[in-house]
Amino acid sequence: MQKSHRSPYIYDVEEATFEQKVIDASNQQPVMVDFWAEWCAPCISLAPALERVIDELEGVVRLGKVEVDDNMRLAGRFRLRGFPTVILFHHGEELGRFHGSRASHWLRQWIEEHLGDYLAQRSA
């Protein structure tokens, strides 16, 4: 089931659009991918924190949302063992991933750890 997102920096991704919306797009700017499921309580609790941080970054990092029940082959491709799993891509490469629900401050720190130089260039 596709959902509309309030933020222009957050969009749905499915297997057919993954290469274009994530891998190719990550050559322009970093893309985080949230692999989630409707039945997953930690997924539901992570979503508002992720959306808050993405909005605060004002498009410097984008967020693709993959509903795993509809895209099981993508979950297999990235060897996901639990949900939610968030993977950060930049220049077509995976920079990092984490599992489980996290608070906004943890998410900001995690992004800064993986994209510190990129973020510094963007704000200069």
PDB file of N, CA and C in Angstrom:
ATOM      1  N   MET A   1       0.830  -1.175   0.000  1.00  0.00           N
ATOM      2  CA  MET A   1       0.000   0.000   0.000  1.00  0.00           C
ATOM      3  C   MET A   1       0.882   1.250   0.000  1.00  0.00           C
ATOM      4  N   GLN A   2       0.693   2.110  -0.966  1.00  0.00           N
ATOM      5  CA  GLN A   2       1.464   3.340  -1.062  1.00  0.00           C
ATOM      6  C   GLN A   2       0.823   4.413  -0.191  1.00  0.00           C
ATOM      7  N   LYS A   3       1.650   5.190   0.457  1.00  0.00           N
ATOM      8  CA  LYS A   3       1.163   6.284   1.277  1.00  0.00           C
ATOM      9  C   LYS A   3       1.737   7.577   0.734  1.00  0.00           C
ATOM     10  N   SER A   4       0.978   8.644   0.844  1.00  0.00           N
ATOM     11  CA  SER A   4       1.534   9.935   0.464  1.00  0.00           C
ATOM     12  C   SER A   4       2.248  10.508   1.683  1.00  0.00           C
ATOM     13  N   HIS A   5       3.334  11.173   1.438  1.00  0.00           N
ATOM     14  CA  HIS A   5       4.141  11.739   2.516  1.00  0.00           C
ATOM     15  C   HIS A   5       4.000  13.250   2.485  1.00  0.00           C
ATOM     16  N   ARG A   6       3.992  13.835   3.657  1.00  0.00           N
ATOM     17  CA  ARG A   6       3.862  15.284   3.751  1.00  0.00           C
ATOM     18  C   ARG A   6       5.122  15.985   3.287  1.00  0.00           C
ATOM     19  N   SER A   7       6.260  15.363   3.419  1.00  0.00           N
ATOM     20  CA  SER A   7       7.529  15.988   3.077  1.00  0.00           C
ATOM     21  C   SER A   7       7.887  15.756   1.610  1.00  0.00           C
ATOM     22  N   PRO A   8       8.393  16.782   0.934  1.00  0.00           N
ATOM     23  CA  PRO A   8       8.840  16.590  -0.449  1.00  0.00           C
ATOM     24  C   PRO A   8      10.144  15.790  -0.533  1.00  0.00           C
ATOM     25  N   TYR A   9      10.782  15.545   0.597  1.00  0.00           N
ATOM     26  CA  TYR A   9      12.057  14.835   0.630  1.00  0.00           C
ATOM     27  C   TYR A   9      11.891  13.342   0.906  1.00  0.00           C
ATOM     28  N   ILE A  10      10.649  12.894   1.051  1.00  0.00           N
ATOM     29  CA  ILE A  10      10.352  11.504   1.385  1.00  0.00           C
ATOM     30  C   ILE A  10       9.448  10.930   0.309  1.00  0.00           C
ATOM     31  N   TYR A  11       9.802   9.747  -0.175  1.00  0.00           N
ATOM     32  CA  TYR A  11       9.022   9.148  -1.248  1.00  0.00           C
ATOM     33  C   TYR A  11       9.040   7.629  -1.137  1.00  0.00           C
ATOM     34  N   ASP A  12       8.034   7.010  -1.733  1.00  0.00           N
ATOM     35  CA  ASP A  12       7.938   5.552  -1.747  1.00  0.00           C
ATOM     36  C   ASP A  12       8.802   4.982  -2.858  1.00  0.00           C
ATOM     37  N   VAL A  13       9.377   3.824  -2.569  1.00  0.00           N
ATOM     38  CA  VAL A  13      10.224   3.127  -3.532  1.00  0.00           C
ATOM     39  C   VAL A  13       9.762   1.682  -3.585  1.00  0.00           C
ATOM     40  N   GLU A  14       9.771   1.108  -4.772  1.00  0.00           N
ATOM     41  CA  GLU A  14       9.491  -0.319  -4.904  1.00  0.00           C
ATOM     42  C   GLU A  14      10.577  -0.938  -5.769  1.00  0.00           C
ATOM     43  N   GLU A  15      10.525  -2.239  -5.888  1.00  0.00           N
ATOM     44  CA  GLU A  15      11.595  -2.942  -6.602  1.00  0.00           C
ATOM     45  C   GLU A  15      11.822  -2.369  -7.998  1.00  0.00           C
ATOM     46  N   ALA A  16      10.761  -2.081  -8.730  1.00  0.00           N
ATOM     47  CA  ALA A  16      10.882  -1.605 -10.113  1.00  0.00           C
ATOM     48  C   ALA A  16      11.538  -0.232 -10.215  1.00  0.00           C
ATOM     49  N   THR A  17      11.469   0.570  -9.138  1.00  0.00           N
ATOM     50  CA  THR A  17      12.009   1.932  -9.191  1.00  0.00           C
ATOM     51  C   THR A  17      13.256   2.112  -8.327  1.00  0.00           C
ATOM     52  N   PHE A  18      13.727   1.036  -7.692  1.00  0.00           N
ATOM     53  CA  PHE A  18      14.820   1.145  -6.732  1.00  0.00           C
ATOM     54  C   PHE A  18      16.102   1.686  -7.377  1.00  0.00           C
ATOM     55  N   GLU A  19      16.489   1.158  -8.527  1.00  0.00           N
ATOM     56  CA  GLU A  19      17.731   1.607  -9.173  1.00  0.00           C
ATOM     57  C   GLU A  19      17.692   3.106  -9.449  1.00  0.00           C
ATOM     58  N   GLN A  20      16.590   3.572 -10.000  1.00  0.00           N
ATOM     59  CA  GLN A  20      16.467   4.983 -10.354  1.00  0.00           C
ATOM     60  C   GLN A  20      16.328   5.875  -9.121  1.00  0.00           C
ATOM     61  N   LYS A  21      15.398   5.529  -8.222  1.00  0.00           N
ATOM     62  CA  LYS A  21      15.065   6.408  -7.097  1.00  0.00           C
ATOM     63  C   LYS A  21      16.061   6.352  -5.943  1.00  0.00           C
ATOM     64  N   VAL A  22      16.887   5.285  -5.908  1.00  0.00           N
ATOM     65  CA  VAL A  22      17.854   5.174  -4.809  1.00  0.00           C
ATOM     66  C   VAL A  22      19.286   5.184  -5.343  1.00  0.00           C
ATOM     67  N   ILE A  23      19.655   4.160  -6.094  1.00  0.00           N
ATOM     68  CA  ILE A  23      21.053   4.026  -6.530  1.00  0.00           C
ATOM     69  C   ILE A  23      21.463   5.200  -7.417  1.00  0.00           C
ATOM     70  N   ASP A  24      20.702   5.453  -8.491  1.00  0.00           N
ATOM     71  CA  ASP A  24      21.038   6.572  -9.380  1.00  0.00           C
ATOM     72  C   ASP A  24      20.909   7.908  -8.655  1.00  0.00           C
ATOM     73  N   ALA A  25      19.840   8.092  -7.899  1.00  0.00           N
ATOM     74  CA  ALA A  25      19.616   9.350  -7.182  1.00  0.00           C
ATOM     75  C   ALA A  25      20.723   9.631  -6.168  1.00  0.00           C
ATOM     76  N   SER A  26      21.328   8.581  -5.618  1.00  0.00           N
ATOM     77  CA  SER A  26      22.368   8.779  -4.606  1.00  0.00           C
ATOM     78  C   SER A  26      23.651   9.350  -5.200  1.00  0.00           C
ATOM     79  N   ASN A  27      23.746   9.384  -6.529  1.00  0.00           N
ATOM     80  CA  ASN A  27      24.883  10.048  -7.165  1.00  0.00           C
ATOM     81  C   ASN A  27      24.747  11.565  -7.087  1.00  0.00           C
ATOM     82  N   GLN A  28      23.519  12.058  -6.912  1.00  0.00           N
ATOM     83  CA  GLN A  28      23.268  13.491  -6.777  1.00  0.00           C
ATOM     84  C   GLN A  28      23.312  13.943  -5.322  1.00  0.00           C
ATOM     85  N   GLN A  29      22.757  13.098  -4.432  1.00  0.00           N
ATOM     86  CA  GLN A  29      22.718  13.412  -3.009  1.00  0.00           C
ATOM     87  C   GLN A  29      22.466  12.116  -2.237  1.00  0.00           C
ATOM     88  N   PRO A  30      22.826  12.076  -0.966  1.00  0.00           N
ATOM     89  CA  PRO A  30      22.622  10.856  -0.179  1.00  0.00           C
ATOM     90  C   PRO A  30      21.131  10.502  -0.082  1.00  0.00           C
ATOM     91  N   VAL A  31      20.876   9.197  -0.091  1.00  0.00           N
ATOM     92  CA  VAL A  31      19.513   8.679   0.047  1.00  0.00           C
ATOM     93  C   VAL A  31      19.523   7.624   1.146  1.00  0.00           C
ATOM     94  N   MET A  32      18.672   7.836   2.152  1.00  0.00           N
ATOM     95  CA  MET A  32      18.447   6.817   3.175  1.00  0.00           C
ATOM     96  C   MET A  32      17.235   6.006   2.730  1.00  0.00           C
ATOM     97  N   VAL A  33      17.284   4.703   2.963  1.00  0.00           N
ATOM     98  CA  VAL A  33      16.149   3.848   2.621  1.00  0.00           C
ATOM     99  C   VAL A  33      15.657   3.179   3.896  1.00  0.00           C
ATOM    100  N   ASP A  34      14.383   3.385   4.177  1.00  0.00           N
ATOM    101  CA  ASP A  34      13.731   2.785   5.340  1.00  0.00           C
ATOM    102  C   ASP A  34      12.952   1.562   4.864  1.00  0.00           C
ATOM    103  N   PHE A  35      13.446   0.382   5.204  1.00  0.00           N
ATOM    104  CA  PHE A  35      12.731  -0.866   4.913  1.00  0.00           C
ATOM    105  C   PHE A  35      11.815  -1.140   6.100  1.00  0.00           C
ATOM    106  N   TRP A  36      10.514  -1.090   5.880  1.00  0.00           N
ATOM    107  CA  TRP A  36       9.540  -1.144   6.965  1.00  0.00           C
ATOM    108  C   TRP A  36       8.371  -2.048   6.588  1.00  0.00           C
ATOM    109  N   ALA A  37       7.537  -2.341   7.591  1.00  0.00           N
ATOM    110  CA  ALA A  37       6.319  -3.124   7.372  1.00  0.00           C
ATOM    111  C   ALA A  37       5.216  -2.574   8.271  1.00  0.00           C
ATOM    112  N   GLU A  38       3.986  -2.653   7.782  1.00  0.00           N
ATOM    113  CA  GLU A  38       2.845  -2.130   8.554  1.00  0.00           C
ATOM    114  C   GLU A  38       2.647  -2.858   9.871  1.00  0.00           C
ATOM    115  N   TRP A  39       3.000  -4.138   9.927  1.00  0.00           N
ATOM    116  CA  TRP A  39       2.782  -4.950  11.126  1.00  0.00           C
ATOM    117  C   TRP A  39       3.909  -4.798  12.152  1.00  0.00           C
ATOM    118  N   CYS A  40       4.905  -3.994  11.835  1.00  0.00           N
ATOM    119  CA  CYS A  40       6.126  -3.890  12.640  1.00  0.00           C
ATOM    120  C   CYS A  40       6.056  -2.659  13.560  1.00  0.00           C
ATOM    121  N   ALA A  41       5.854  -2.897  14.858  1.00  0.00           N
ATOM    122  CA  ALA A  41       5.732  -1.790  15.821  1.00  0.00           C
ATOM    123  C   ALA A  41       6.967  -0.878  15.838  1.00  0.00           C
ATOM    124  N   PRO A  42       8.212  -1.418  15.851  1.00  0.00           N
ATOM    125  CA  PRO A  42       9.372  -0.522  15.813  1.00  0.00           C
ATOM    126  C   PRO A  42       9.428   0.315  14.531  1.00  0.00           C
ATOM    127  N   CYS A  43       8.926  -0.231  13.425  1.00  0.00           N
ATOM    128  CA  CYS A  43       8.885   0.535  12.170  1.00  0.00           C
ATOM    129  C   CYS A  43       7.987   1.748  12.314  1.00  0.00           C
ATOM    130  N   ILE A  44       6.837   1.532  12.937  1.00  0.00           N
ATOM    131  CA  ILE A  44       5.872   2.608  13.116  1.00  0.00           C
ATOM    132  C   ILE A  44       6.433   3.679  14.058  1.00  0.00           C
ATOM    133  N   SER A  45       7.160   3.262  15.095  1.00  0.00           N
ATOM    134  CA  SER A  45       7.710   4.247  16.036  1.00  0.00           C
ATOM    135  C   SER A  45       8.916   4.989  15.451  1.00  0.00           C
ATOM    136  N   LEU A  46       9.651   4.375  14.527  1.00  0.00           N
ATOM    137  CA  LEU A  46      10.802   5.038  13.910  1.00  0.00           C
ATOM    138  C   LEU A  46      10.378   6.107  12.910  1.00  0.00           C
ATOM    139  N   ALA A  47       9.284   5.891  12.207  1.00  0.00           N
ATOM    140  CA  ALA A  47       8.889   6.760  11.091  1.00  0.00           C
ATOM    141  C   ALA A  47       8.845   8.249  11.456  1.00  0.00           C
ATOM    142  N   PRO A  48       8.193   8.670  12.547  1.00  0.00           N
ATOM    143  CA  PRO A  48       8.146  10.118  12.843  1.00  0.00           C
ATOM    144  C   PRO A  48       9.530  10.719  13.104  1.00  0.00           C
ATOM    145  N   ALA A  49      10.405   9.980  13.762  1.00  0.00           N
ATOM    146  CA  ALA A  49      11.757  10.488  14.034  1.00  0.00           C
ATOM    147  C   ALA A  49      12.538  10.633  12.731  1.00  0.00           C
ATOM    148  N   LEU A  50      12.449   9.634  11.863  1.00  0.00           N
ATOM    149  CA  LEU A  50      13.120   9.717  10.562  1.00  0.00           C
ATOM    150  C   LEU A  50      12.605  10.911   9.767  1.00  0.00           C
ATOM    151  N   GLU A  51      11.302  11.059   9.706  1.00  0.00           N
ATOM    152  CA  GLU A  51      10.706  12.148   8.935  1.00  0.00           C
ATOM    153  C   GLU A  51      11.125  13.502   9.499  1.00  0.00           C
ATOM    154  N   ARG A  52      11.183  13.624  10.805  1.00  0.00           N
ATOM    155  CA  ARG A  52      11.589  14.878  11.446  1.00  0.00           C
ATOM    156  C   ARG A  52      13.022  15.242  11.039  1.00  0.00           C
ATOM    157  N   VAL A  53      13.930  14.270  11.119  1.00  0.00           N
ATOM    158  CA  VAL A  53      15.335  14.534  10.802  1.00  0.00           C
ATOM    159  C   VAL A  53      15.498  14.864   9.315  1.00  0.00           C
ATOM    160  N   ILE A  54      14.830  14.145   8.452  1.00  0.00           N
ATOM    161  CA  ILE A  54      14.915  14.411   7.006  1.00  0.00           C
ATOM    162  C   ILE A  54      14.403  15.820   6.711  1.00  0.00           C
ATOM    163  N   ASP A  55      13.297  16.207   7.324  1.00  0.00           N
ATOM    164  CA  ASP A  55      12.769  17.561   7.117  1.00  0.00           C
ATOM    165  C   ASP A  55      13.736  18.622   7.640  1.00  0.00           C
ATOM    166  N   GLU A  56      14.362  18.361   8.788  1.00  0.00           N
ATOM    167  CA  GLU A  56      15.319  19.317   9.346  1.00  0.00           C
ATOM    168  C   GLU A  56      16.524  19.508   8.423  1.00  0.00           C
ATOM    169  N   LEU A  57      16.889  18.468   7.699  1.00  0.00           N
ATOM    170  CA  LEU A  57      18.022  18.546   6.767  1.00  0.00           C
ATOM    171  C   LEU A  57      17.633  19.235   5.457  1.00  0.00           C
ATOM    172  N   GLU A  58      16.363  19.535   5.290  1.00  0.00           N
ATOM    173  CA  GLU A  58      15.843  20.303   4.163  1.00  0.00           C
ATOM    174  C   GLU A  58      16.309  19.788   2.805  1.00  0.00           C
ATOM    175  N   GLY A  59      16.249  18.482   2.623  1.00  0.00           N
ATOM    176  CA  GLY A  59      16.538  17.910   1.315  1.00  0.00           C
ATOM    177  C   GLY A  59      17.987  17.573   1.050  1.00  0.00           C
ATOM    178  N   VAL A  60      18.875  17.852   2.004  1.00  0.00           N
ATOM    179  CA  VAL A  60      20.279  17.481   1.825  1.00  0.00           C
ATOM    180  C   VAL A  60      20.401  15.957   1.737  1.00  0.00           C
ATOM    181  N   VAL A  61      19.569  15.263   2.500  1.00  0.00           N
ATOM    182  CA  VAL A  61      19.451  13.803   2.445  1.00  0.00           C
ATOM    183  C   VAL A  61      17.980  13.504   2.176  1.00  0.00           C
ATOM    184  N   ARG A  62      17.727  12.570   1.284  1.00  0.00           N
ATOM    185  CA  ARG A  62      16.345  12.171   0.983  1.00  0.00           C
ATOM    186  C   ARG A  62      16.076  10.813   1.624  1.00  0.00           C
ATOM    187  N   LEU A  63      14.792  10.491   1.753  1.00  0.00           N
ATOM    188  CA  LEU A  63      14.386   9.233   2.379  1.00  0.00           C
ATOM    189  C   LEU A  63      13.445   8.472   1.457  1.00  0.00           C
ATOM    190  N   GLY A  64      13.876   7.288   1.061  1.00  0.00           N
ATOM    191  CA  GLY A  64      13.025   6.380   0.305  1.00  0.00           C
ATOM    192  C   GLY A  64      12.439   5.353   1.253  1.00  0.00           C
ATOM    193  N   LYS A  65      11.140   5.096   1.128  1.00  0.00           N
ATOM    194  CA  LYS A  65      10.453   4.149   2.008  1.00  0.00           C
ATOM    195  C   LYS A  65      10.091   2.904   1.202  1.00  0.00           C
ATOM    196  N   VAL A  66      10.555   1.741   1.661  1.00  0.00           N
ATOM    197  CA  VAL A  66      10.267   0.465   1.002  1.00  0.00           C
ATOM    198  C   VAL A  66       9.431  -0.393   1.940  1.00  0.00           C
ATOM    199  N   GLU A  67       8.204  -0.669   1.535  1.00  0.00           N
ATOM    200  CA  GLU A  67       7.337  -1.563   2.307  1.00  0.00           C
ATOM    201  C   GLU A  67       7.759  -2.987   1.953  1.00  0.00           C
ATOM    202  N   VAL A  68       8.300  -3.713   2.927  1.00  0.00           N
ATOM    203  CA  VAL A  68       8.961  -4.982   2.620  1.00  0.00           C
ATOM    204  C   VAL A  68       8.012  -6.092   2.194  1.00  0.00           C
ATOM    205  N   ASP A  69       6.786  -6.101   2.678  1.00  0.00           N
ATOM    206  CA  ASP A  69       5.866  -7.169   2.274  1.00  0.00           C
ATOM    207  C   ASP A  69       5.590  -7.131   0.779  1.00  0.00           C
ATOM    208  N   ASP A  70       5.628  -5.938   0.190  1.00  0.00           N
ATOM    209  CA  ASP A  70       5.409  -5.796  -1.243  1.00  0.00           C
ATOM    210  C   ASP A  70       6.698  -5.880  -2.049  1.00  0.00           C
ATOM    211  N   ASN A  71       7.838  -5.933  -1.375  1.00  0.00           N
ATOM    212  CA  ASN A  71       9.139  -5.876  -2.049  1.00  0.00           C
ATOM    213  C   ASN A  71      10.141  -6.833  -1.402  1.00  0.00           C
ATOM    214  N   MET A  72       9.731  -8.084  -1.244  1.00  0.00           N
ATOM    215  CA  MET A  72      10.562  -9.063  -0.539  1.00  0.00           C
ATOM    216  C   MET A  72      11.901  -9.321  -1.237  1.00  0.00           C
ATOM    217  N   ARG A  73      11.937  -9.220  -2.556  1.00  0.00           N
ATOM    218  CA  ARG A  73      13.209  -9.461  -3.248  1.00  0.00           C
ATOM    219  C   ARG A  73      14.244  -8.392  -2.897  1.00  0.00           C
ATOM    220  N   LEU A  74      13.793  -7.157  -2.680  1.00  0.00           N
ATOM    221  CA  LEU A  74      14.738  -6.116  -2.238  1.00  0.00           C
ATOM    222  C   LEU A  74      15.262  -6.431  -0.844  1.00  0.00           C
ATOM    223  N   ALA A  75      14.378  -6.891   0.031  1.00  0.00           N
ATOM    224  CA  ALA A  75      14.813  -7.278   1.382  1.00  0.00           C
ATOM    225  C   ALA A  75      15.858  -8.385   1.293  1.00  0.00           C
ATOM    226  N   GLY A  76      15.651  -9.332   0.396  1.00  0.00           N
ATOM    227  CA  GLY A  76      16.620 -10.406   0.202  1.00  0.00           C
ATOM    228  C   GLY A  76      17.920  -9.907  -0.402  1.00  0.00           C
ATOM    229  N   ARG A  77      17.818  -9.010  -1.370  1.00  0.00           N
ATOM    230  CA  ARG A  77      19.011  -8.461  -2.044  1.00  0.00           C
ATOM    231  C   ARG A  77      19.960  -7.823  -1.038  1.00  0.00           C
ATOM    232  N   PHE A  78      19.407  -7.151  -0.032  1.00  0.00           N
ATOM    233  CA  PHE A  78      20.239  -6.465   0.963  1.00  0.00           C
ATOM    234  C   PHE A  78      20.398  -7.280   2.248  1.00  0.00           C
ATOM    235  N   ARG A  79      19.988  -8.542   2.213  1.00  0.00           N
ATOM    236  CA  ARG A  79      20.162  -9.487   3.329  1.00  0.00           C
ATOM    237  C   ARG A  79      19.644  -8.906   4.646  1.00  0.00           C
ATOM    238  N   LEU A  80      18.434  -8.396   4.593  1.00  0.00           N
ATOM    239  CA  LEU A  80      17.849  -7.803   5.792  1.00  0.00           C
ATOM    240  C   LEU A  80      17.393  -8.904   6.740  1.00  0.00           C
ATOM    241  N   ARG A  81      17.698  -8.754   8.006  1.00  0.00           N
ATOM    242  CA  ARG A  81      17.358  -9.768   9.003  1.00  0.00           C
ATOM    243  C   ARG A  81      16.251  -9.335   9.932  1.00  0.00           C
ATOM    244  N   GLY A  82      15.954  -8.060   9.950  1.00  0.00           N
ATOM    245  CA  GLY A  82      14.906  -7.554  10.819  1.00  0.00           C
ATOM    246  C   GLY A  82      14.456  -6.191  10.340  1.00  0.00           C
ATOM    247  N   PHE A  83      13.353  -5.749  10.892  1.00  0.00           N
ATOM    248  CA  PHE A  83      12.794  -4.474  10.463  1.00  0.00           C
ATOM    249  C   PHE A  83      12.477  -3.619  11.687  1.00  0.00           C
ATOM    250  N   PRO A  84      12.571  -2.328  11.572  1.00  0.00           N
ATOM    251  CA  PRO A  84      13.028  -1.621  10.387  1.00  0.00           C
ATOM    252  C   PRO A  84      14.541  -1.740  10.215  1.00  0.00           C
ATOM    253  N   THR A  85      14.975  -1.675   8.979  1.00  0.00           N
ATOM    254  CA  THR A  85      16.386  -1.520   8.649  1.00  0.00           C
ATOM    255  C   THR A  85      16.492  -0.275   7.789  1.00  0.00           C
ATOM    256  N   VAL A  86      17.429   0.590   8.133  1.00  0.00           N
ATOM    257  CA  VAL A  86      17.673   1.801   7.350  1.00  0.00           C
ATOM    258  C   VAL A  86      19.081   1.700   6.776  1.00  0.00           C
ATOM    259  N   ILE A  87      19.184   1.910   5.461  1.00  0.00           N
ATOM    260  CA  ILE A  87      20.474   1.868   4.770  1.00  0.00           C
ATOM    261  C   ILE A  87      20.707   3.225   4.120  1.00  0.00           C
ATOM    262  N   LEU A  88      21.919   3.740   4.257  1.00  0.00           N
ATOM    263  CA  LEU A  88      22.314   5.010   3.677  1.00  0.00           C
ATOM    264  C   LEU A  88      23.164   4.759   2.432  1.00  0.00           C
ATOM    265  N   PHE A  89      22.754   5.348   1.312  1.00  0.00           N
ATOM    266  CA  PHE A  89      23.486   5.226   0.050  1.00  0.00           C
ATOM    267  C   PHE A  89      24.000   6.588  -0.379  1.00  0.00           C
ATOM    268  N   HIS A  90      25.218   6.593  -0.921  1.00  0.00           N
ATOM    269  CA  HIS A  90      25.771   7.792  -1.543  1.00  0.00           C
ATOM    270  C   HIS A  90      26.707   7.336  -2.652  1.00  0.00           C
ATOM    271  N   HIS A  91      26.601   7.966  -3.801  1.00  0.00           N
ATOM    272  CA  HIS A  91      27.372   7.576  -4.987  1.00  0.00           C
ATOM    273  C   HIS A  91      27.197   6.102  -5.315  1.00  0.00           C
ATOM    274  N   GLY A  92      25.978   5.616  -5.146  1.00  0.00           N
ATOM    275  CA  GLY A  92      25.643   4.246  -5.505  1.00  0.00           C
ATOM    276  C   GLY A  92      26.128   3.184  -4.541  1.00  0.00           C
ATOM    277  N   GLU A  93      26.761   3.592  -3.467  1.00  0.00           N
ATOM    278  CA  GLU A  93      27.339   2.650  -2.498  1.00  0.00           C
ATOM    279  C   GLU A  93      26.631   2.746  -1.153  1.00  0.00           C
ATOM    280  N   GLU A  94      26.577   1.616  -0.464  1.00  0.00           N
ATOM    281  CA  GLU A  94      26.055   1.616   0.900  1.00  0.00           C
ATOM    282  C   GLU A  94      27.111   2.179   1.843  1.00  0.00           C
ATOM    283  N   LEU A  95      26.745   3.219   2.599  1.00  0.00           N
ATOM    284  CA  LEU A  95      27.673   3.822   3.563  1.00  0.00           C
ATOM    285  C   LEU A  95      27.486   3.276   4.966  1.00  0.00           C
ATOM    286  N   GLY A  96      26.269   2.822   5.276  1.00  0.00           N
ATOM    287  CA  GLY A  96      25.999   2.324   6.618  1.00  0.00           C
ATOM    288  C   GLY A  96      24.565   1.864   6.723  1.00  0.00           C
ATOM    289  N   ARG A  97      24.280   1.133   7.810  1.00  0.00           N
ATOM    290  CA  ARG A  97      22.913   0.685   8.074  1.00  0.00           C
ATOM    291  C   ARG A  97      22.728   0.504   9.563  1.00  0.00           C
ATOM    292  N   PHE A  98      21.468   0.557   9.971  1.00  0.00           N
ATOM    293  CA  PHE A  98      21.124   0.235  11.349  1.00  0.00           C
ATOM    294  C   PHE A  98      19.761  -0.442  11.353  1.00  0.00           C
ATOM    295  N   HIS A  99      19.482  -1.112  12.463  1.00  0.00           N
ATOM    296  CA  HIS A  99      18.225  -1.839  12.647  1.00  0.00           C
ATOM    297  C   HIS A  99      17.519  -1.272  13.874  1.00  0.00           C
ATOM    298  N   GLY A 100      16.205  -1.304  13.851  1.00  0.00           N
ATOM    299  CA  GLY A 100      15.433  -0.941  15.031  1.00  0.00           C
ATOM    300  C   GLY A 100      15.067   0.530  15.075  1.00  0.00           C
ATOM    301  N   SER A 101      14.242   0.856  16.050  1.00  0.00           N
ATOM    302  CA  SER A 101      13.773   2.220  16.225  1.00  0.00           C
ATOM    303  C   SER A 101      14.816   3.041  16.968  1.00  0.00           C
ATOM    304  N   ARG A 102      14.972   4.302  16.588  1.00  0.00           N
ATOM    305  CA  ARG A 102      15.944   5.207  17.206  1.00  0.00           C
ATOM    306  C   ARG A 102      15.306   6.581  17.407  1.00  0.00           C
ATOM    307  N   ALA A 103      15.863   7.331  18.320  1.00  0.00           N
ATOM    308  CA  ALA A 103      15.394   8.695  18.573  1.00  0.00           C
ATOM    309  C   ALA A 103      16.010   9.663  17.560  1.00  0.00           C
ATOM    310  N   SER A 104      15.381  10.823  17.414  1.00  0.00           N
ATOM    311  CA  SER A 104      15.849  11.821  16.448  1.00  0.00           C
ATOM    312  C   SER A 104      17.307  12.210  16.668  1.00  0.00           C
ATOM    313  N   HIS A 105      17.707  12.444  17.919  1.00  0.00           N
ATOM    314  CA  HIS A 105      19.088  12.869  18.167  1.00  0.00           C
ATOM    315  C   HIS A 105      20.088  11.781  17.752  1.00  0.00           C
ATOM    316  N   TRP A 106      19.736  10.518  17.946  1.00  0.00           N
ATOM    317  CA  TRP A 106      20.604   9.414  17.518  1.00  0.00           C
ATOM    318  C   TRP A 106      20.716   9.400  15.991  1.00  0.00           C
ATOM    319  N   LEU A 107      19.585   9.594  15.316  1.00  0.00           N
ATOM    320  CA  LEU A 107      19.576   9.606  13.855  1.00  0.00           C
ATOM    321  C   LEU A 107      20.450  10.724  13.303  1.00  0.00           C
ATOM    322  N   ARG A 108      20.341  11.936  13.869  1.00  0.00           N
ATOM    323  CA  ARG A 108      21.169  13.061  13.416  1.00  0.00           C
ATOM    324  C   ARG A 108      22.655  12.739  13.584  1.00  0.00           C
ATOM    325  N   GLN A 109      23.004  12.171  14.717  1.00  0.00           N
ATOM    326  CA  GLN A 109      24.405  11.825  14.979  1.00  0.00           C
ATOM    327  C   GLN A 109      24.887  10.762  13.997  1.00  0.00           C
ATOM    328  N   TRP A 110      24.062   9.757  13.730  1.00  0.00           N
ATOM    329  CA  TRP A 110      24.417   8.688  12.801  1.00  0.00           C
ATOM    330  C   TRP A 110      24.652   9.255  11.400  1.00  0.00           C
ATOM    331  N   ILE A 111      23.777  10.141  10.957  1.00  0.00           N
ATOM    332  CA  ILE A 111      23.935  10.770   9.640  1.00  0.00           C
ATOM    333  C   ILE A 111      25.219  11.586   9.597  1.00  0.00           C
ATOM    334  N   GLU A 112      25.488  12.358  10.650  1.00  0.00           N
ATOM    335  CA  GLU A 112      26.704  13.167  10.698  1.00  0.00           C
ATOM    336  C   GLU A 112      27.958  12.295  10.677  1.00  0.00           C
ATOM    337  N   GLU A 113      27.925  11.156  11.352  1.00  0.00           N
ATOM    338  CA  GLU A 113      29.072  10.243  11.353  1.00  0.00           C
ATOM    339  C   GLU A 113      29.372   9.738   9.946  1.00  0.00           C
ATOM    340  N   HIS A 114      28.327   9.467   9.173  1.00  0.00           N
ATOM    341  CA  HIS A 114      28.505   8.890   7.845  1.00  0.00           C
ATOM    342  C   HIS A 114      28.656   9.934   6.741  1.00  0.00           C
ATOM    343  N   LEU A 115      28.157  11.141   6.975  1.00  0.00           N
ATOM    344  CA  LEU A 115      28.149  12.160   5.922  1.00  0.00           C
ATOM    345  C   LEU A 115      28.766  13.481   6.368  1.00  0.00           C
ATOM    346  N   GLY A 116      29.610  13.449   7.375  1.00  0.00           N
ATOM    347  CA  GLY A 116      30.158  14.671   7.936  1.00  0.00           C
ATOM    348  C   GLY A 116      30.776  15.600   6.905  1.00  0.00           C
ATOM    349  N   ASP A 117      31.666  15.090   6.042  1.00  0.00           N
ATOM    350  CA  ASP A 117      32.319  15.923   5.041  1.00  0.00           C
ATOM    351  C   ASP A 117      31.313  16.486   4.046  1.00  0.00           C
ATOM    352  N   TYR A 118      30.384  15.645   3.618  1.00  0.00           N
ATOM    353  CA  TYR A 118      29.365  16.069   2.663  1.00  0.00           C
ATOM    354  C   TYR A 118      28.493  17.171   3.262  1.00  0.00           C
ATOM    355  N   LEU A 119      28.061  16.987   4.507  1.00  0.00           N
ATOM    356  CA  LEU A 119      27.222  17.984   5.183  1.00  0.00           C
ATOM    357  C   LEU A 119      27.978  19.299   5.367  1.00  0.00           C
ATOM    358  N   ALA A 120      29.262  19.207   5.694  1.00  0.00           N
ATOM    359  CA  ALA A 120      30.070  20.415   5.887  1.00  0.00           C
ATOM    360  C   ALA A 120      30.188  21.188   4.570  1.00  0.00           C
ATOM    361  N   GLN A 121      30.383  20.499   3.460  1.00  0.00           N
ATOM    362  CA  GLN A 121      30.472  21.147   2.146  1.00  0.00           C
ATOM    363  C   GLN A 121      29.151  21.830   1.784  1.00  0.00           C
ATOM    364  N   ARG A 122      28.037  21.174   2.111  1.00  0.00           N
ATOM    365  CA  ARG A 122      26.729  21.715   1.769  1.00  0.00           C
ATOM    366  C   ARG A 122      26.410  22.987   2.540  1.00  0.00           C
ATOM    367  N   SER A 123      26.916  23.094   3.763  1.00  0.00           N
ATOM    368  CA  SER A 123      26.596  24.259   4.582  1.00  0.00           C
ATOM    369  C   SER A 123      27.621  25.374   4.408  1.00  0.00           C
ATOM    370  N   ALA A 124      28.697  25.093   3.693  1.00  0.00           N
ATOM    371  CA  ALA A 124      29.747  26.117   3.500  1.00  0.00           C
ATOM    372  C   ALA A 124      29.336  27.146   2.461  1.00  0.00           C
TER     373      ALA A 124
END
